[in-house]
């Protein structure tokens, strides 16, 4: 391959990376229809709300560098902020940061549950995941100083809504060492 062909290939590869689309695919895990409501951080573009039918998926595209969050409202329920999905696309060092936050309403167990990058969509035990299949858990963001934000170079994320009908009950899940213990706060 000649010098100019190599340069052209590198430019094409860089263009493909630069034009990567920021998306979140919402996956309904039960028969409930939900409205997903987006809230951009100050100065960022508004994103229209979407409806996700029960057991369906919907993909939303986001502008480059978008920062904000979303929550879902079940059909027939009051529009009350719930568990939040939060994201920063193309943040520091061009990295995507995301988490599931229970700070606003930790009692919402019907809306946003988990978030993960697309590369882990078919993996049973995800390593880059935030949130809970069953609340409460140690992988959601409950307090302002929790260390639960996940970082990835990917720009395609997934977000589960609702509970899986075949989820294990909380008592069937292995006990995890508590956050206070890890921090030395006995």
N, C-alpha and C. Protein backbone atom coordinates (compact mmCIF):
# COMPACT_ATOMS: atom_id res chain seq x y z
N UNK A 1 0.85 -1.17 0.00
CA UNK A 1 0.00 0.00 0.00
C UNK A 1 0.89 1.23 0.00
N UNK A 2 0.63 2.15 -0.93
CA UNK A 2 1.43 3.36 -1.03
C UNK A 2 1.17 4.33 0.11
N UNK A 3 2.06 5.29 0.21
CA UNK A 3 1.99 6.28 1.29
C UNK A 3 0.64 7.00 1.30
N UNK A 4 0.20 7.49 0.12
CA UNK A 4 -1.05 8.24 0.05
C UNK A 4 -2.26 7.34 0.31
N UNK A 5 -2.17 6.09 -0.08
CA UNK A 5 -3.26 5.15 0.21
C UNK A 5 -3.39 4.92 1.71
N UNK A 6 -2.23 4.83 2.39
CA UNK A 6 -2.25 4.66 3.85
C UNK A 6 -2.86 5.89 4.52
N UNK A 7 -2.47 7.07 4.05
CA UNK A 7 -3.02 8.32 4.61
C UNK A 7 -4.53 8.35 4.39
N UNK A 8 -4.99 8.00 3.20
CA UNK A 8 -6.42 8.00 2.90
C UNK A 8 -7.17 7.01 3.79
N UNK A 9 -6.57 5.84 4.03
CA UNK A 9 -7.20 4.84 4.89
C UNK A 9 -7.29 5.35 6.33
N UNK A 10 -6.24 6.03 6.80
CA UNK A 10 -6.26 6.57 8.16
C UNK A 10 -7.31 7.67 8.30
N UNK A 11 -7.43 8.52 7.29
CA UNK A 11 -8.44 9.59 7.32
C UNK A 11 -9.84 8.99 7.31
N UNK A 12 -10.05 7.96 6.50
CA UNK A 12 -11.36 7.30 6.45
C UNK A 12 -11.70 6.67 7.79
N UNK A 13 -10.72 6.04 8.42
CA UNK A 13 -10.96 5.42 9.73
C UNK A 13 -11.27 6.48 10.78
N UNK A 14 -10.53 7.59 10.75
CA UNK A 14 -10.77 8.67 11.70
C UNK A 14 -12.15 9.29 11.48
N UNK A 15 -12.56 9.43 10.22
CA UNK A 15 -13.88 9.98 9.92
C UNK A 15 -14.98 9.07 10.43
N UNK A 16 -14.78 7.77 10.30
CA UNK A 16 -15.78 6.82 10.79
C UNK A 16 -15.93 6.93 12.30
N UNK A 17 -14.82 7.09 13.00
CA UNK A 17 -14.89 7.24 14.45
C UNK A 17 -15.53 8.57 14.81
N UNK A 18 -15.15 9.63 14.11
CA UNK A 18 -15.68 10.96 14.41
C UNK A 18 -17.17 11.05 14.15
N UNK A 19 -17.68 10.29 13.20
CA UNK A 19 -19.10 10.37 12.88
C UNK A 19 -19.92 9.29 13.59
N UNK A 20 -19.33 8.64 14.58
CA UNK A 20 -20.06 7.62 15.33
C UNK A 20 -21.30 8.25 15.93
N UNK A 21 -22.40 7.52 15.85
CA UNK A 21 -23.66 8.02 16.36
C UNK A 21 -23.81 7.68 17.83
N UNK A 22 -24.23 8.67 18.60
CA UNK A 22 -24.54 8.45 20.01
C UNK A 22 -25.96 7.92 20.09
N UNK A 23 -26.14 6.72 20.62
CA UNK A 23 -27.48 6.16 20.74
C UNK A 23 -27.67 5.47 22.08
N UNK A 24 -28.92 5.44 22.51
CA UNK A 24 -29.33 4.60 23.63
C UNK A 24 -30.53 3.80 23.15
N UNK A 25 -30.43 2.48 23.28
CA UNK A 25 -31.54 1.59 22.95
C UNK A 25 -32.25 1.23 24.24
N UNK A 26 -33.52 1.58 24.32
CA UNK A 26 -34.33 1.30 25.51
C UNK A 26 -35.00 -0.04 25.32
N UNK A 27 -34.85 -0.92 26.31
CA UNK A 27 -35.35 -2.29 26.24
C UNK A 27 -36.39 -2.49 27.33
N UNK A 28 -37.65 -2.66 26.94
CA UNK A 28 -38.71 -2.93 27.91
C UNK A 28 -38.66 -4.41 28.28
N UNK A 29 -38.58 -4.68 29.59
CA UNK A 29 -38.46 -6.06 30.06
C UNK A 29 -39.78 -6.64 30.55
N UNK A 30 -40.86 -5.89 30.42
CA UNK A 30 -42.17 -6.39 30.87
C UNK A 30 -43.25 -5.86 29.92
N UNK A 31 -44.50 -6.07 30.25
CA UNK A 31 -45.60 -5.72 29.34
C UNK A 31 -46.09 -4.28 29.51
N UNK A 32 -45.44 -3.48 30.33
CA UNK A 32 -45.87 -2.10 30.59
C UNK A 32 -45.34 -1.15 29.52
N UNK A 33 -46.22 -0.30 29.00
CA UNK A 33 -45.82 0.76 28.08
C UNK A 33 -45.34 1.94 28.92
N UNK A 34 -44.24 2.55 28.51
CA UNK A 34 -43.65 3.67 29.26
C UNK A 34 -43.31 4.83 28.33
N UNK A 35 -43.39 6.03 28.90
CA UNK A 35 -42.91 7.23 28.23
C UNK A 35 -41.55 7.54 28.82
N UNK A 36 -40.55 7.75 27.98
CA UNK A 36 -39.21 8.11 28.44
C UNK A 36 -39.05 9.62 28.22
N UNK A 37 -38.74 10.33 29.30
CA UNK A 37 -38.65 11.79 29.28
C UNK A 37 -37.19 12.20 29.48
N UNK A 38 -36.67 13.00 28.56
CA UNK A 38 -35.27 13.41 28.56
C UNK A 38 -35.11 14.82 29.12
N UNK A 39 -34.06 15.03 29.90
CA UNK A 39 -33.74 16.34 30.46
C UNK A 39 -32.28 16.63 30.15
N UNK A 40 -32.02 17.58 29.23
CA UNK A 40 -30.62 17.92 28.93
C UNK A 40 -30.04 18.79 30.04
N UNK A 41 -28.74 18.70 30.23
CA UNK A 41 -28.06 19.65 31.11
C UNK A 41 -28.11 21.01 30.44
N UNK A 42 -27.95 22.06 31.21
CA UNK A 42 -28.04 23.43 30.71
C UNK A 42 -27.13 23.64 29.50
N UNK A 43 -27.72 24.19 28.43
CA UNK A 43 -26.96 24.49 27.23
C UNK A 43 -26.94 23.39 26.19
N UNK A 44 -27.55 22.25 26.47
CA UNK A 44 -27.57 21.13 25.53
C UNK A 44 -28.94 21.00 24.88
N UNK A 45 -29.00 20.34 23.73
CA UNK A 45 -30.22 20.21 22.94
C UNK A 45 -31.30 19.42 23.66
N UNK A 46 -32.55 19.84 23.44
CA UNK A 46 -33.70 19.10 23.94
C UNK A 46 -33.85 17.82 23.11
N UNK A 47 -34.29 16.76 23.75
CA UNK A 47 -34.58 15.50 23.07
C UNK A 47 -36.06 15.22 23.31
N UNK A 48 -36.80 14.92 22.24
CA UNK A 48 -38.22 14.63 22.39
C UNK A 48 -38.44 13.35 23.17
N UNK A 49 -39.50 13.35 23.99
CA UNK A 49 -39.88 12.13 24.72
C UNK A 49 -40.27 11.05 23.73
N UNK A 50 -40.12 9.80 24.14
CA UNK A 50 -40.52 8.67 23.30
C UNK A 50 -41.42 7.75 24.10
N UNK A 51 -42.14 6.90 23.41
CA UNK A 51 -42.94 5.86 24.06
C UNK A 51 -42.32 4.51 23.72
N UNK A 52 -42.15 3.69 24.75
CA UNK A 52 -41.62 2.34 24.56
C UNK A 52 -42.71 1.37 24.97
N UNK A 53 -43.23 0.63 24.01
CA UNK A 53 -44.29 -0.34 24.29
C UNK A 53 -43.72 -1.49 25.13
N UNK A 54 -44.60 -2.18 25.82
CA UNK A 54 -44.18 -3.33 26.61
C UNK A 54 -43.48 -4.37 25.75
N UNK A 55 -42.38 -4.90 26.26
CA UNK A 55 -41.56 -5.93 25.61
C UNK A 55 -40.99 -5.48 24.26
N UNK A 56 -40.89 -4.16 24.05
CA UNK A 56 -40.36 -3.62 22.79
C UNK A 56 -39.03 -2.91 23.05
N UNK A 57 -38.38 -2.51 21.96
CA UNK A 57 -37.16 -1.70 22.05
C UNK A 57 -37.33 -0.46 21.19
N UNK A 58 -36.72 0.63 21.61
CA UNK A 58 -36.69 1.88 20.85
C UNK A 58 -35.30 2.47 20.98
N UNK A 59 -34.76 2.96 19.87
CA UNK A 59 -33.42 3.56 19.88
C UNK A 59 -33.54 5.06 19.65
N UNK A 60 -32.82 5.83 20.46
CA UNK A 60 -32.81 7.29 20.37
C UNK A 60 -31.39 7.73 20.05
N UNK A 61 -31.27 8.68 19.10
CA UNK A 61 -29.96 9.26 18.76
C UNK A 61 -29.78 10.57 19.51
N UNK A 62 -28.54 10.85 19.91
CA UNK A 62 -28.21 12.04 20.67
C UNK A 62 -27.15 12.84 19.92
N UNK A 63 -27.17 14.17 20.04
CA UNK A 63 -26.14 14.99 19.40
C UNK A 63 -24.76 14.74 20.01
N UNK A 64 -23.72 15.06 19.25
CA UNK A 64 -22.35 14.93 19.76
C UNK A 64 -22.20 15.74 21.04
N UNK A 65 -21.55 15.14 22.04
CA UNK A 65 -21.25 15.83 23.28
C UNK A 65 -22.43 16.05 24.20
N UNK A 66 -23.58 15.40 23.93
CA UNK A 66 -24.79 15.63 24.73
C UNK A 66 -24.58 15.17 26.17
N UNK A 67 -25.10 15.96 27.11
CA UNK A 67 -25.06 15.64 28.53
C UNK A 67 -26.47 15.80 29.08
N UNK A 68 -26.95 14.80 29.80
CA UNK A 68 -28.28 14.90 30.39
C UNK A 68 -28.72 13.59 30.99
N UNK A 69 -30.03 13.49 31.24
CA UNK A 69 -30.58 12.28 31.85
C UNK A 69 -31.99 12.01 31.35
N UNK A 70 -32.55 10.90 31.80
CA UNK A 70 -33.92 10.54 31.46
C UNK A 70 -34.50 9.68 32.58
N UNK A 71 -35.82 9.65 32.59
CA UNK A 71 -36.56 8.76 33.48
C UNK A 71 -37.77 8.28 32.71
N UNK A 72 -38.44 7.26 33.22
CA UNK A 72 -39.62 6.77 32.51
C UNK A 72 -40.84 6.85 33.41
N UNK A 73 -41.99 6.99 32.76
CA UNK A 73 -43.28 7.03 33.45
C UNK A 73 -44.14 5.92 32.86
N UNK A 74 -44.62 5.03 33.71
CA UNK A 74 -45.46 3.92 33.25
C UNK A 74 -46.82 4.46 32.81
N UNK A 75 -47.41 3.82 31.81
CA UNK A 75 -48.71 4.20 31.29
C UNK A 75 -49.73 4.26 32.43
N UNK A 76 -50.45 5.38 32.53
CA UNK A 76 -51.46 5.55 33.56
C UNK A 76 -50.94 6.10 34.88
N UNK A 77 -49.62 6.21 35.03
CA UNK A 77 -49.03 6.72 36.27
C UNK A 77 -48.80 8.23 36.17
N UNK A 78 -48.66 8.88 37.33
CA UNK A 78 -48.35 10.31 37.37
C UNK A 78 -46.93 10.54 36.84
N UNK A 79 -46.73 11.71 36.22
CA UNK A 79 -45.41 12.07 35.72
C UNK A 79 -44.55 12.55 36.88
N UNK A 80 -43.88 11.60 37.52
CA UNK A 80 -42.99 11.88 38.65
C UNK A 80 -41.60 11.39 38.30
N UNK A 81 -40.60 12.24 38.54
CA UNK A 81 -39.22 11.81 38.28
C UNK A 81 -38.92 10.53 39.04
N UNK A 82 -38.25 9.62 38.38
CA UNK A 82 -37.93 8.34 39.00
C UNK A 82 -36.44 8.06 38.93
N UNK A 83 -36.12 6.79 38.88
CA UNK A 83 -34.73 6.37 38.71
C UNK A 83 -34.22 6.99 37.41
N UNK A 84 -33.05 7.59 37.43
CA UNK A 84 -32.52 8.30 36.27
C UNK A 84 -31.46 7.50 35.54
N UNK A 85 -31.50 7.55 34.22
CA UNK A 85 -30.37 7.15 33.40
C UNK A 85 -29.62 8.43 33.08
N UNK A 86 -28.32 8.46 33.31
CA UNK A 86 -27.53 9.68 33.08
C UNK A 86 -26.39 9.37 32.12
N UNK A 87 -26.09 10.34 31.22
CA UNK A 87 -25.03 10.09 30.25
C UNK A 87 -24.31 11.39 29.88
N UNK A 88 -23.04 11.25 29.59
CA UNK A 88 -22.23 12.30 28.97
C UNK A 88 -21.55 11.64 27.78
N UNK A 89 -21.94 12.07 26.56
CA UNK A 89 -21.29 11.57 25.35
C UNK A 89 -20.12 12.49 25.01
N UNK A 90 -19.01 11.91 24.56
CA UNK A 90 -17.80 12.65 24.20
C UNK A 90 -17.40 13.59 25.34
N UNK A 91 -17.30 13.03 26.53
CA UNK A 91 -16.83 13.79 27.69
C UNK A 91 -15.32 13.91 27.65
N UNK A 92 -14.71 14.06 28.83
CA UNK A 92 -13.26 14.20 28.92
C UNK A 92 -12.59 13.07 28.15
N UNK A 93 -11.60 13.39 27.37
CA UNK A 93 -10.82 12.43 26.57
C UNK A 93 -11.70 11.65 25.59
N UNK A 94 -12.82 12.27 25.17
CA UNK A 94 -13.74 11.67 24.20
C UNK A 94 -14.40 10.39 24.71
N UNK A 95 -14.56 10.27 26.02
CA UNK A 95 -15.12 9.07 26.65
C UNK A 95 -16.60 9.29 26.95
N UNK A 96 -17.39 8.23 26.88
CA UNK A 96 -18.79 8.24 27.27
C UNK A 96 -18.89 7.81 28.73
N UNK A 97 -19.57 8.63 29.53
CA UNK A 97 -19.78 8.32 30.95
C UNK A 97 -21.27 8.10 31.18
N UNK A 98 -21.62 7.08 31.98
CA UNK A 98 -23.04 6.82 32.23
C UNK A 98 -23.24 6.19 33.60
N UNK A 99 -24.46 6.34 34.12
CA UNK A 99 -24.83 5.68 35.37
C UNK A 99 -26.35 5.68 35.53
N UNK A 100 -26.82 4.82 36.44
CA UNK A 100 -28.22 4.82 36.87
C UNK A 100 -28.23 5.45 38.25
N UNK A 101 -29.02 6.53 38.40
CA UNK A 101 -29.02 7.29 39.65
C UNK A 101 -30.35 7.15 40.39
N UNK A 102 -30.25 6.81 41.68
CA UNK A 102 -31.41 6.71 42.56
C UNK A 102 -31.51 7.94 43.46
N UNK A 103 -30.71 8.96 43.22
CA UNK A 103 -30.68 10.12 44.10
C UNK A 103 -32.02 10.85 44.12
N UNK A 104 -32.67 11.02 42.99
CA UNK A 104 -33.94 11.75 42.92
C UNK A 104 -35.08 10.95 43.54
N UNK A 105 -35.18 9.66 43.20
CA UNK A 105 -36.29 8.84 43.69
C UNK A 105 -35.86 7.38 43.77
N UNK A 106 -35.34 6.98 44.91
CA UNK A 106 -34.85 5.60 45.09
C UNK A 106 -35.99 4.60 45.19
N UNK A 107 -37.23 5.08 45.30
CA UNK A 107 -38.38 4.17 45.41
C UNK A 107 -38.94 3.75 44.05
N UNK A 108 -38.42 4.30 42.97
CA UNK A 108 -38.89 3.92 41.63
C UNK A 108 -38.23 2.61 41.22
N UNK A 109 -38.99 1.54 41.28
CA UNK A 109 -38.48 0.23 40.88
C UNK A 109 -39.14 -0.25 39.59
N UNK A 110 -39.89 0.65 38.93
CA UNK A 110 -40.61 0.28 37.71
C UNK A 110 -40.03 0.90 36.45
N UNK A 111 -39.11 1.84 36.59
CA UNK A 111 -38.60 2.56 35.42
C UNK A 111 -37.24 2.08 34.97
N UNK A 112 -36.29 3.00 34.91
CA UNK A 112 -34.92 2.70 34.49
C UNK A 112 -34.31 1.70 35.47
N UNK A 113 -33.70 0.65 34.93
CA UNK A 113 -33.08 -0.37 35.78
C UNK A 113 -31.57 -0.45 35.59
N UNK A 114 -31.11 -0.72 34.38
CA UNK A 114 -29.68 -0.92 34.13
C UNK A 114 -29.26 -0.24 32.84
N UNK A 115 -27.97 0.12 32.76
CA UNK A 115 -27.37 0.65 31.53
C UNK A 115 -26.06 -0.07 31.28
N UNK A 116 -25.75 -0.28 29.99
CA UNK A 116 -24.50 -0.95 29.61
C UNK A 116 -24.16 -0.60 28.16
N UNK A 117 -22.88 -0.72 27.78
CA UNK A 117 -22.49 -0.45 26.39
C UNK A 117 -22.92 -1.60 25.47
N UNK A 118 -23.09 -1.30 24.19
CA UNK A 118 -23.58 -2.28 23.22
C UNK A 118 -22.71 -3.53 23.14
N UNK A 119 -21.41 -3.39 23.35
CA UNK A 119 -20.52 -4.56 23.24
C UNK A 119 -20.84 -5.62 24.29
N UNK A 120 -21.55 -5.24 25.35
CA UNK A 120 -21.88 -6.19 26.41
C UNK A 120 -23.33 -6.66 26.34
N UNK A 121 -24.02 -6.33 25.26
CA UNK A 121 -25.44 -6.65 25.18
C UNK A 121 -25.73 -8.15 25.23
N UNK A 122 -24.87 -8.97 24.68
CA UNK A 122 -25.13 -10.41 24.66
C UNK A 122 -24.42 -11.16 25.78
N UNK A 123 -23.72 -10.44 26.65
CA UNK A 123 -22.99 -11.07 27.75
C UNK A 123 -23.92 -11.18 28.96
N UNK A 124 -23.98 -12.36 29.56
CA UNK A 124 -24.87 -12.57 30.71
C UNK A 124 -24.43 -11.77 31.93
N UNK A 125 -23.15 -11.81 32.26
CA UNK A 125 -22.63 -11.06 33.40
C UNK A 125 -21.82 -9.90 32.86
N UNK A 126 -22.40 -8.71 32.95
CA UNK A 126 -21.78 -7.53 32.37
C UNK A 126 -20.76 -6.92 33.34
N UNK A 127 -19.64 -6.45 32.80
CA UNK A 127 -18.63 -5.82 33.65
C UNK A 127 -18.74 -4.30 33.61
N UNK A 128 -19.23 -3.75 32.51
CA UNK A 128 -19.44 -2.31 32.38
C UNK A 128 -20.94 -2.03 32.48
N UNK A 129 -21.47 -2.05 33.69
CA UNK A 129 -22.90 -1.92 33.89
C UNK A 129 -23.16 -1.04 35.10
N UNK A 130 -24.22 -0.24 35.01
CA UNK A 130 -24.68 0.55 36.15
C UNK A 130 -26.16 0.27 36.34
N UNK A 131 -26.59 0.23 37.58
CA UNK A 131 -28.00 0.00 37.89
C UNK A 131 -28.23 -1.37 38.48
N UNK A 132 -29.50 -1.74 38.58
CA UNK A 132 -29.89 -2.97 39.28
C UNK A 132 -30.98 -3.70 38.51
N UNK A 133 -30.91 -5.02 38.49
CA UNK A 133 -32.05 -5.79 37.99
C UNK A 133 -33.11 -5.83 39.07
N UNK A 134 -32.68 -5.86 40.34
CA UNK A 134 -33.57 -5.82 41.49
C UNK A 134 -33.03 -4.75 42.44
N UNK A 135 -33.89 -3.79 42.81
CA UNK A 135 -33.47 -2.71 43.71
C UNK A 135 -33.76 -3.09 45.16
N UNK A 136 -32.95 -2.61 46.11
CA UNK A 136 -31.70 -1.87 45.94
C UNK A 136 -30.55 -2.80 45.62
N UNK A 137 -29.45 -2.22 45.16
CA UNK A 137 -28.24 -2.99 44.87
C UNK A 137 -27.03 -2.08 45.04
N UNK A 138 -25.85 -2.63 44.92
CA UNK A 138 -24.62 -1.85 45.11
C UNK A 138 -24.08 -1.24 43.82
N UNK A 139 -24.79 -1.36 42.70
CA UNK A 139 -24.28 -0.83 41.45
C UNK A 139 -25.14 0.30 40.90
N UNK A 140 -25.90 0.96 41.78
CA UNK A 140 -26.64 2.17 41.41
C UNK A 140 -26.06 3.33 42.21
N UNK A 141 -26.36 4.51 41.77
CA UNK A 141 -25.83 5.74 42.35
C UNK A 141 -26.87 6.27 43.34
N UNK A 142 -26.63 6.14 44.66
CA UNK A 142 -27.58 6.55 45.69
C UNK A 142 -27.21 7.87 46.37
N UNK A 143 -25.93 8.12 46.57
CA UNK A 143 -25.46 9.31 47.26
C UNK A 143 -24.53 10.10 46.34
N UNK A 144 -24.44 11.39 46.59
CA UNK A 144 -23.64 12.25 45.71
C UNK A 144 -22.19 11.82 45.60
N UNK A 145 -21.66 11.15 46.62
CA UNK A 145 -20.25 10.74 46.56
C UNK A 145 -20.05 9.27 46.19
N UNK A 146 -21.12 8.60 45.74
CA UNK A 146 -20.98 7.21 45.29
C UNK A 146 -20.09 7.15 44.06
N UNK A 147 -19.32 6.09 43.96
CA UNK A 147 -18.46 5.90 42.79
C UNK A 147 -19.12 4.83 41.92
N UNK A 148 -20.09 5.26 41.12
CA UNK A 148 -20.84 4.32 40.29
C UNK A 148 -20.88 4.71 38.82
N UNK A 149 -20.26 5.80 38.44
CA UNK A 149 -20.25 6.20 37.04
C UNK A 149 -19.33 5.27 36.27
N UNK A 150 -19.83 4.80 35.12
CA UNK A 150 -19.08 3.87 34.28
C UNK A 150 -18.56 4.64 33.07
N UNK A 151 -17.36 4.32 32.62
CA UNK A 151 -16.74 4.98 31.47
C UNK A 151 -16.47 3.96 30.37
N UNK A 152 -16.70 4.38 29.12
CA UNK A 152 -16.45 3.52 27.96
C UNK A 152 -16.10 4.40 26.77
N UNK A 153 -15.41 3.82 25.80
CA UNK A 153 -15.15 4.54 24.55
C UNK A 153 -16.30 4.36 23.56
N UNK A 154 -17.26 3.52 23.90
CA UNK A 154 -18.40 3.27 23.01
C UNK A 154 -19.40 4.41 23.06
N UNK A 155 -20.16 4.56 21.98
CA UNK A 155 -21.20 5.58 21.91
C UNK A 155 -22.58 4.98 21.73
N UNK A 156 -22.67 3.67 21.79
CA UNK A 156 -23.97 2.98 21.71
C UNK A 156 -24.21 2.30 23.04
N UNK A 157 -25.28 2.73 23.73
CA UNK A 157 -25.62 2.19 25.04
C UNK A 157 -26.98 1.52 25.01
N UNK A 158 -27.23 0.70 26.01
CA UNK A 158 -28.54 0.08 26.23
C UNK A 158 -29.04 0.50 27.61
N UNK A 159 -30.36 0.61 27.74
CA UNK A 159 -30.98 0.95 29.02
C UNK A 159 -32.22 0.08 29.19
N UNK A 160 -32.26 -0.72 30.26
CA UNK A 160 -33.44 -1.56 30.49
C UNK A 160 -34.48 -0.80 31.29
N UNK A 161 -35.74 -1.07 30.96
CA UNK A 161 -36.88 -0.46 31.64
C UNK A 161 -37.74 -1.57 32.22
N UNK A 162 -38.16 -1.42 33.48
CA UNK A 162 -39.02 -2.42 34.11
C UNK A 162 -38.25 -3.63 34.58
N UNK A 163 -39.00 -4.56 35.14
CA UNK A 163 -38.40 -5.76 35.73
C UNK A 163 -38.57 -6.96 34.82
N UNK A 164 -37.55 -7.79 34.78
CA UNK A 164 -37.67 -9.05 34.05
C UNK A 164 -38.65 -9.93 34.81
N UNK A 165 -39.51 -10.61 34.09
CA UNK A 165 -40.49 -11.47 34.76
C UNK A 165 -39.84 -12.69 35.37
N UNK A 166 -38.64 -13.05 34.92
CA UNK A 166 -37.96 -14.23 35.46
C UNK A 166 -36.82 -13.85 36.41
N UNK A 167 -36.83 -12.60 36.94
CA UNK A 167 -35.77 -12.18 37.86
C UNK A 167 -35.84 -12.96 39.16
N UNK A 168 -34.68 -13.17 39.75
CA UNK A 168 -34.65 -13.82 41.06
C UNK A 168 -35.07 -12.81 42.11
N UNK A 169 -35.57 -13.29 43.22
CA UNK A 169 -35.94 -12.36 44.28
C UNK A 169 -34.68 -11.89 44.98
N UNK A 170 -34.80 -10.78 45.71
CA UNK A 170 -33.64 -10.18 46.37
C UNK A 170 -32.96 -11.17 47.31
N UNK A 171 -33.71 -12.01 47.98
CA UNK A 171 -33.11 -12.95 48.94
C UNK A 171 -32.33 -14.06 48.24
N UNK A 172 -32.54 -14.26 46.93
CA UNK A 172 -31.82 -15.29 46.18
C UNK A 172 -30.48 -14.80 45.64
N UNK A 173 -30.21 -13.51 45.78
CA UNK A 173 -28.98 -12.93 45.26
C UNK A 173 -27.89 -13.02 46.32
N UNK A 174 -26.69 -13.38 45.89
CA UNK A 174 -25.58 -13.50 46.83
C UNK A 174 -25.33 -12.18 47.55
N UNK A 175 -25.05 -12.24 48.84
CA UNK A 175 -24.79 -11.04 49.63
C UNK A 175 -23.47 -10.41 49.17
N UNK A 176 -23.50 -9.10 48.99
CA UNK A 176 -22.33 -8.35 48.56
C UNK A 176 -21.88 -7.50 49.75
N UNK A 177 -20.59 -7.33 49.88
CA UNK A 177 -20.06 -6.51 50.97
C UNK A 177 -20.58 -5.09 50.82
N UNK A 178 -21.09 -4.52 51.90
CA UNK A 178 -21.67 -3.19 51.88
C UNK A 178 -20.67 -2.09 51.61
N UNK A 179 -21.16 -0.99 51.06
CA UNK A 179 -20.32 0.16 50.71
C UNK A 179 -19.60 0.72 51.93
N UNK A 180 -20.31 0.86 53.07
CA UNK A 180 -19.68 1.41 54.28
C UNK A 180 -18.53 0.53 54.75
N UNK A 181 -18.66 -0.78 54.62
CA UNK A 181 -17.59 -1.69 55.02
C UNK A 181 -16.35 -1.46 54.15
N UNK A 182 -16.59 -1.34 52.84
CA UNK A 182 -15.47 -1.13 51.91
C UNK A 182 -14.76 0.19 52.22
N UNK A 183 -15.52 1.20 52.63
CA UNK A 183 -14.94 2.51 52.93
C UNK A 183 -14.36 2.58 54.34
N UNK A 184 -14.49 1.50 55.12
CA UNK A 184 -13.95 1.49 56.48
C UNK A 184 -14.85 2.16 57.49
N UNK A 185 -16.13 2.34 57.15
CA UNK A 185 -17.11 2.96 58.07
C UNK A 185 -17.96 1.86 58.69
N UNK A 186 -17.44 1.20 59.70
CA UNK A 186 -18.13 0.05 60.29
C UNK A 186 -19.34 0.49 61.03
